[in-house]
Amino acid sequence: MSVERTLHHFPLDPASRQVRLALGEKRLPFVEIQVRYWEMPPEFTSLNPSGMPPVLVETRNQRNLVVCETRAILEHIEETETEPPLLGRDAGERAEARRLLQWFDRKFDNEVNGFLLHEKMEKRLLRMGAPDLAALRQGREALRHHLGYIDGLLQTRDWLAGRRMSLADFAAAAHLSVIDYFGDVPWKDFQAAKTWYMKLKSRPAFRPILADRWPGLAPAAHYDDLDF
């Protein structure tokens, strides 16, 4: 059955990037519509009352299915397009992948993005003034803690959730890639995390992520360098 997919997203949104990576890894074609969600466009809020990206619209047999919010979209893709599996092939790895999805979407987002991305990106988009240096310092300290945690996991695992790449890796990479866009990831101090990110960065699904640009927000020089 032919399925047409449209993804409403913001390029520098970690949640949107997770879905783009999953669709890319499964080689599912989709049309992109970039959304300035902070302006609350009515055509977008009519799809998702929360007003937050991403939103996936699927058309099958001239009928639309609207799937909102990252976890719902990822689970939907995994249920409807089973190959390659991105939650792991055994129950233990699936449980660990889900735990880490929650870790990055709640703990990392609150402790790191809530400071670094708010100060460096959201304030610029919302015209809220200059970044607060104390907030940036707090976000960078939290980022080092999370990179240390990632490094520890990768000392005994091939990928974050176990032997195989999973949505947990995409979640972590989606968040880190936006931080890296602004040049704030101290990769040289976390070699296991850097090697893991290089492997992900080299995958075909990552190419559109590395091509992202937003007017007025230029990426760091190494952002799209595969051998950084």
Foldseek 3Di string as FASTA:
>chain_A
DDKAKEKEEALLDLLSQLLLLLCVVLVNDYHYDYDPLVVPPVVQCVLPVVSHDIWMWMADPNDIDIFGTRVRSNVVCCVVRVPPHFQDDDPQLNVLLVVLLCCLVPVLCVQAVVQQVCQQPVCVSVVVDHGDPVSNVRNLVVLVVVLVVQLVCLVPAVENSHPDHHSSRSSVLSVVLSVQQAPRHPCVVRVSVVVSNLVVLPDPSNVVSLVDDDPPRGGDPCSNPSVD
